[in-house]
Amino acid sequence: MKKSELEDLITTVETLRKQKFQNMDRKFIEEVIRAEEENPEDDGEAFRRIKDALEGCLADKGVE
């Protein structure tokens, strides 16, 4: 995916998040999109990055 297409996807998802899921963390959603984009053939690495992003998001909110 081209950088502009990736940014368009992130912008679109962010618009939907603001409209319907304001409580979801923007940074976490962006990290999920980037993890999937950067690891299309490596599900294990994508999963690890998503897990790390989720743990970071929860830690920021004081959840262990």
C-alpha atoms as a PDB file:
ATOM      1  CA  MET A   1       0.000   0.000   0.000  1.00  0.00           C
ATOM      2  CA  LYS A   2       1.298   3.440  -0.868  1.00  0.00           C
ATOM      3  CA  LYS A   3       1.947   5.890   1.939  1.00  0.00           C
ATOM      4  CA  SER A   4      -0.894   8.138   0.758  1.00  0.00           C
ATOM      5  CA  GLU A   5      -3.301   5.176   0.703  1.00  0.00           C
ATOM      6  CA  LEU A   6      -2.219   4.189   4.210  1.00  0.00           C
ATOM      7  CA  GLU A   7      -2.722   7.729   5.467  1.00  0.00           C
ATOM      8  CA  ASP A   8      -6.147   7.853   3.774  1.00  0.00           C
ATOM      9  CA  LEU A   9      -7.101   4.603   5.517  1.00  0.00           C
ATOM     10  CA  ILE A  10      -5.938   5.917   8.886  1.00  0.00           C
ATOM     11  CA  THR A  11      -7.856   9.173   8.323  1.00  0.00           C
ATOM     12  CA  THR A  12     -11.034   7.297   7.386  1.00  0.00           C
ATOM     13  CA  VAL A  13     -10.804   4.975  10.380  1.00  0.00           C
ATOM     14  CA  GLU A  14     -10.144   7.970  12.644  1.00  0.00           C
ATOM     15  CA  THR A  15     -13.268   9.695  11.310  1.00  0.00           C
ATOM     16  CA  LEU A  16     -15.333   6.604  12.100  1.00  0.00           C
ATOM     17  CA  ARG A  17     -13.723   6.281  15.531  1.00  0.00           C
ATOM     18  CA  LYS A  18     -14.664   9.867  16.382  1.00  0.00           C
ATOM     19  CA  GLN A  19     -18.250   9.312  15.229  1.00  0.00           C
ATOM     20  CA  LYS A  20     -18.955   5.927  16.793  1.00  0.00           C
ATOM     21  CA  PHE A  21     -16.197   4.847  19.173  1.00  0.00           C
ATOM     22  CA  GLN A  22     -14.885   7.929  20.967  1.00  0.00           C
ATOM     23  CA  ASN A  23     -13.637   5.824  23.876  1.00  0.00           C
ATOM     24  CA  MET A  24     -11.276   3.781  21.682  1.00  0.00           C
ATOM     25  CA  ASP A  25      -7.695   4.950  21.765  1.00  0.00           C
ATOM     26  CA  ARG A  26      -6.646   6.620  18.499  1.00  0.00           C
ATOM     27  CA  LYS A  27      -3.007   5.663  18.882  1.00  0.00           C
ATOM     28  CA  PHE A  28      -3.877   1.990  19.439  1.00  0.00           C
ATOM     29  CA  ILE A  29      -6.020   1.838  16.303  1.00  0.00           C
ATOM     30  CA  GLU A  30      -3.282   3.471  14.248  1.00  0.00           C
ATOM     31  CA  GLU A  31      -0.725   0.989  15.609  1.00  0.00           C
ATOM     32  CA  VAL A  32      -2.982  -1.931  14.608  1.00  0.00           C
ATOM     33  CA  ILE A  33      -3.305  -0.582  11.070  1.00  0.00           C
ATOM     34  CA  ARG A  34       0.444  -0.026  10.782  1.00  0.00           C
ATOM     35  CA  ALA A  35       1.292  -3.454  12.232  1.00  0.00           C
ATOM     36  CA  GLU A  36      -0.922  -5.143   9.659  1.00  0.00           C
ATOM     37  CA  GLU A  37       0.398  -2.990   6.812  1.00  0.00           C
ATOM     38  CA  GLU A  38       4.048  -3.536   7.673  1.00  0.00           C
ATOM     39  CA  ASN A  39       3.718  -7.301   8.243  1.00  0.00           C
ATOM     40  CA  PRO A  40       1.362  -8.666   5.573  1.00  0.00           C
ATOM     41  CA  GLU A  41       3.076 -12.061   5.468  1.00  0.00           C
ATOM     42  CA  ASP A  42       4.152 -12.319   9.101  1.00  0.00           C
ATOM     43  CA  ASP A  43       1.108 -12.781  11.296  1.00  0.00           C
ATOM     44  CA  GLY A  44       3.277 -13.515  14.320  1.00  0.00           C
ATOM     45  CA  GLU A  45       5.092 -10.187  14.103  1.00  0.00           C
ATOM     46  CA  ALA A  46       1.860  -8.292  13.432  1.00  0.00           C
ATOM     47  CA  PHE A  47       0.262  -9.992  16.453  1.00  0.00           C
ATOM     48  CA  ARG A  48       3.285  -9.155  18.635  1.00  0.00           C
ATOM     49  CA  ARG A  49       3.144  -5.491  17.630  1.00  0.00           C
ATOM     50  CA  ILE A  50      -0.611  -5.323  18.229  1.00  0.00           C
ATOM     51  CA  LYS A  51      -0.171  -6.990  21.630  1.00  0.00           C
ATOM     52  CA  ASP A  52       2.570  -4.496  22.534  1.00  0.00           C
ATOM     53  CA  ALA A  53       0.358  -1.599  21.426  1.00  0.00           C
ATOM     54  CA  LEU A  54      -2.550  -2.912  23.503  1.00  0.00           C
ATOM     55  CA  GLU A  55      -0.358  -3.380  26.563  1.00  0.00           C
ATOM     56  CA  GLY A  56       0.989   0.154  26.129  1.00  0.00           C
ATOM     57  CA  CYS A  57      -2.502   1.570  25.782  1.00  0.00           C
ATOM     58  CA  LEU A  58      -3.684  -0.232  28.907  1.00  0.00           C
ATOM     59  CA  ALA A  59      -0.592   0.856  30.854  1.00  0.00           C
ATOM     60  CA  ASP A  60      -1.265   4.478  29.857  1.00  0.00           C
ATOM     61  CA  LYS A  61      -4.731   4.094  31.358  1.00  0.00           C
ATOM     62  CA  GLY A  62      -3.390   2.464  34.538  1.00  0.00           C
ATOM     63  CA  VAL A  63      -4.692  -1.018  33.716  1.00  0.00           C
ATOM     64  CA  GLU A  64      -2.409  -3.990  34.213  1.00  0.00           C
END
